[in-house]
Amino acid sequence: MITFVIPSHNNLRHLVNVYESIRKNAPQAKIMFLDDGSTDGTWEWVQEQSESHQHRGVKSYRSEKRVGHTILYDVGISLATNDIVGILHADMIIGPNYVENMLKHLR
């Protein structure tokens, strides 16, 4: 399957939306949240999701200081446990068949 790598800095309200869209449209996907030194409650929410949904493949990582999303993409990819990794911005959502459409280009 796929792991979605999602860095975020002070983008909690959108992060909730991307999470819900993944659970709705790609429920088997693993999720790697990466907090980029947020101060808006992002880290606390990410930890809660990671702890309460660990069985569903939700993991988290935190950078104490802001390092930028491109560095966190590399961190997330290195921590992913699947061969296929999708990169999402925290303010994106996925729709139906997103994963299937992405995977058909890999075949």
C-alpha atoms as a PDB file:
ATOM      1  CA  MET A   1       0.000   0.000   0.000  1.00  0.00           C
ATOM      2  CA  ILE A   2       0.996   3.637   0.364  1.00  0.00           C
ATOM      3  CA  THR A   3       2.232   5.979   3.075  1.00  0.00           C
ATOM      4  CA  PHE A   4       1.204   9.626   2.867  1.00  0.00           C
ATOM      5  CA  VAL A   5       3.868  12.024   4.169  1.00  0.00           C
ATOM      6  CA  ILE A   6       2.292  15.262   5.397  1.00  0.00           C
ATOM      7  CA  PRO A   7       4.379  18.052   6.942  1.00  0.00           C
ATOM      8  CA  SER A   8       2.607  20.948   8.616  1.00  0.00           C
ATOM      9  CA  HIS A   9       3.422  24.245  10.284  1.00  0.00           C
ATOM     10  CA  ASN A  10       0.533  25.938  12.123  1.00  0.00           C
ATOM     11  CA  ASN A  11      -2.004  24.463   9.732  1.00  0.00           C
ATOM     12  CA  LEU A  12      -4.156  22.411  12.096  1.00  0.00           C
ATOM     13  CA  ARG A  13      -7.545  23.250  10.626  1.00  0.00           C
ATOM     14  CA  HIS A  14      -6.455  22.038   7.193  1.00  0.00           C
ATOM     15  CA  LEU A  15      -4.556  19.046   8.569  1.00  0.00           C
ATOM     16  CA  VAL A  16      -7.799  17.705  10.023  1.00  0.00           C
ATOM     17  CA  ASN A  17      -9.363  17.905   6.548  1.00  0.00           C
ATOM     18  CA  VAL A  18      -6.553  16.015   4.813  1.00  0.00           C
ATOM     19  CA  TYR A  19      -6.688  13.332   7.506  1.00  0.00           C
ATOM     20  CA  GLU A  20     -10.435  12.897   7.096  1.00  0.00           C
ATOM     21  CA  SER A  21     -10.131  12.746   3.298  1.00  0.00           C
ATOM     22  CA  ILE A  22      -7.487  10.005   3.526  1.00  0.00           C
ATOM     23  CA  ARG A  23      -9.548   7.969   5.965  1.00  0.00           C
ATOM     24  CA  LYS A  24     -12.599   8.311   3.710  1.00  0.00           C
ATOM     25  CA  ASN A  25     -10.945   7.721   0.325  1.00  0.00           C
ATOM     26  CA  ALA A  26      -7.878   5.598   1.154  1.00  0.00           C
ATOM     27  CA  PRO A  27      -8.614   3.890   4.476  1.00  0.00           C
ATOM     28  CA  GLN A  28      -5.764   1.366   4.108  1.00  0.00           C
ATOM     29  CA  ALA A  29      -3.119   4.060   3.645  1.00  0.00           C
ATOM     30  CA  LYS A  30      -0.571   4.792   6.320  1.00  0.00           C
ATOM     31  CA  ILE A  31      -0.070   8.401   7.383  1.00  0.00           C
ATOM     32  CA  MET A  32       3.131  10.098   8.536  1.00  0.00           C
ATOM     33  CA  PHE A  33       2.428  13.505  10.074  1.00  0.00           C
ATOM     34  CA  LEU A  34       5.470  15.760  10.470  1.00  0.00           C
ATOM     35  CA  ASP A  35       5.095  18.836  12.652  1.00  0.00           C
ATOM     36  CA  ASP A  36       7.365  21.726  11.732  1.00  0.00           C
ATOM     37  CA  GLY A  37       7.574  23.462  15.123  1.00  0.00           C
ATOM     38  CA  SER A  38       3.903  24.482  15.208  1.00  0.00           C
ATOM     39  CA  THR A  39       2.439  26.591  18.003  1.00  0.00           C
ATOM     40  CA  ASP A  40      -1.279  26.272  17.130  1.00  0.00           C
ATOM     41  CA  GLY A  41      -1.995  22.873  18.701  1.00  0.00           C
ATOM     42  CA  THR A  42      -0.911  20.894  15.640  1.00  0.00           C
ATOM     43  CA  TRP A  43       1.589  18.772  17.561  1.00  0.00           C
ATOM     44  CA  GLU A  44      -0.896  17.893  20.282  1.00  0.00           C
ATOM     45  CA  TRP A  45      -3.503  16.857  17.684  1.00  0.00           C
ATOM     46  CA  VAL A  46      -0.932  14.889  15.677  1.00  0.00           C
ATOM     47  CA  GLN A  47       0.220  13.046  18.812  1.00  0.00           C
ATOM     48  CA  GLU A  48      -3.377  12.203  19.687  1.00  0.00           C
ATOM     49  CA  GLN A  49      -4.001  10.771  16.209  1.00  0.00           C
ATOM     50  CA  SER A  50      -0.752   8.844  16.298  1.00  0.00           C
ATOM     51  CA  GLU A  51      -1.424   7.357  19.723  1.00  0.00           C
ATOM     52  CA  SER A  52      -5.089   6.548  19.221  1.00  0.00           C
ATOM     53  CA  HIS A  53      -4.788   5.331  15.601  1.00  0.00           C
ATOM     54  CA  GLN A  54      -1.404   3.629  15.675  1.00  0.00           C
ATOM     55  CA  HIS A  55      -3.128   0.392  14.675  1.00  0.00           C
ATOM     56  CA  ARG A  56      -4.254   2.181  11.499  1.00  0.00           C
ATOM     57  CA  GLY A  57      -0.732   3.185  10.588  1.00  0.00           C
ATOM     58  CA  VAL A  58      -0.699   6.783  11.825  1.00  0.00           C
ATOM     59  CA  LYS A  59       2.729   7.975  12.943  1.00  0.00           C
ATOM     60  CA  SER A  60       4.169  11.335  13.892  1.00  0.00           C
ATOM     61  CA  TYR A  61       7.441  13.224  14.006  1.00  0.00           C
ATOM     62  CA  ARG A  62       8.206  16.656  15.398  1.00  0.00           C
ATOM     63  CA  SER A  63      10.889  19.159  14.623  1.00  0.00           C
ATOM     64  CA  GLU A  64      11.317  21.438  17.636  1.00  0.00           C
ATOM     65  CA  LYS A  65      12.252  24.354  15.386  1.00  0.00           C
ATOM     66  CA  ARG A  66      10.980  25.193  11.944  1.00  0.00           C
ATOM     67  CA  VAL A  67      13.054  23.515   9.236  1.00  0.00           C
ATOM     68  CA  GLY A  68      10.695  23.717   6.246  1.00  0.00           C
ATOM     69  CA  HIS A  69       8.500  21.230   4.472  1.00  0.00           C
ATOM     70  CA  THR A  70      11.105  20.071   1.950  1.00  0.00           C
ATOM     71  CA  ILE A  71      13.396  18.819   4.722  1.00  0.00           C
ATOM     72  CA  LEU A  72      10.434  17.163   6.417  1.00  0.00           C
ATOM     73  CA  TYR A  73       9.467  15.400   3.179  1.00  0.00           C
ATOM     74  CA  ASP A  74      12.893  13.731   3.260  1.00  0.00           C
ATOM     75  CA  VAL A  75      12.453  12.821   6.933  1.00  0.00           C
ATOM     76  CA  GLY A  76       8.987  11.394   6.284  1.00  0.00           C
ATOM     77  CA  ILE A  77      10.135   9.343   3.321  1.00  0.00           C
ATOM     78  CA  SER A  78      12.997   7.916   5.364  1.00  0.00           C
ATOM     79  CA  LEU A  79      10.552   6.926   8.143  1.00  0.00           C
ATOM     80  CA  ALA A  80       7.931   5.436   5.818  1.00  0.00           C
ATOM     81  CA  THR A  81       7.551   1.672   5.941  1.00  0.00           C
ATOM     82  CA  ASN A  82       5.937   1.225   2.521  1.00  0.00           C
ATOM     83  CA  ASP A  83       7.698   1.182  -0.829  1.00  0.00           C
ATOM     84  CA  ILE A  84       5.232   3.697  -2.232  1.00  0.00           C
ATOM     85  CA  VAL A  85       5.078   7.164  -0.681  1.00  0.00           C
ATOM     86  CA  GLY A  86       2.734  10.008  -1.534  1.00  0.00           C
ATOM     87  CA  ILE A  87       3.554  13.557  -0.567  1.00  0.00           C
ATOM     88  CA  LEU A  88       0.733  15.870   0.449  1.00  0.00           C
ATOM     89  CA  HIS A  89       0.662  19.437   1.689  1.00  0.00           C
ATOM     90  CA  ALA A  90      -1.300  19.925   4.892  1.00  0.00           C
ATOM     91  CA  ASP A  91      -3.945  21.976   3.081  1.00  0.00           C
ATOM     92  CA  MET A  92      -4.671  19.342   0.420  1.00  0.00           C
ATOM     93  CA  ILE A  93      -7.392  16.702   0.373  1.00  0.00           C
ATOM     94  CA  ILE A  94      -7.686  13.551  -1.703  1.00  0.00           C
ATOM     95  CA  GLY A  95     -10.785  12.395  -3.518  1.00  0.00           C
ATOM     96  CA  PRO A  96     -12.180   9.023  -4.531  1.00  0.00           C
ATOM     97  CA  ASN A  97      -9.788   6.889  -6.611  1.00  0.00           C
ATOM     98  CA  TYR A  98      -6.821   9.161  -5.833  1.00  0.00           C
ATOM     99  CA  VAL A  99      -4.574   6.260  -4.871  1.00  0.00           C
ATOM    100  CA  GLU A 100      -5.748   4.047  -7.730  1.00  0.00           C
ATOM    101  CA  ASN A 101      -5.114   6.812 -10.255  1.00  0.00           C
ATOM    102  CA  MET A 102      -1.683   7.476  -8.797  1.00  0.00           C
ATOM    103  CA  LEU A 103      -0.697   3.806  -8.748  1.00  0.00           C
ATOM    104  CA  LYS A 104      -1.718   3.113 -12.338  1.00  0.00           C
ATOM    105  CA  HIS A 105       1.117   5.416 -13.452  1.00  0.00           C
ATOM    106  CA  LEU A 106       3.627   3.329 -11.510  1.00  0.00           C
ATOM    107  CA  ARG A 107       2.705   0.090 -13.260  1.00  0.00           C
END
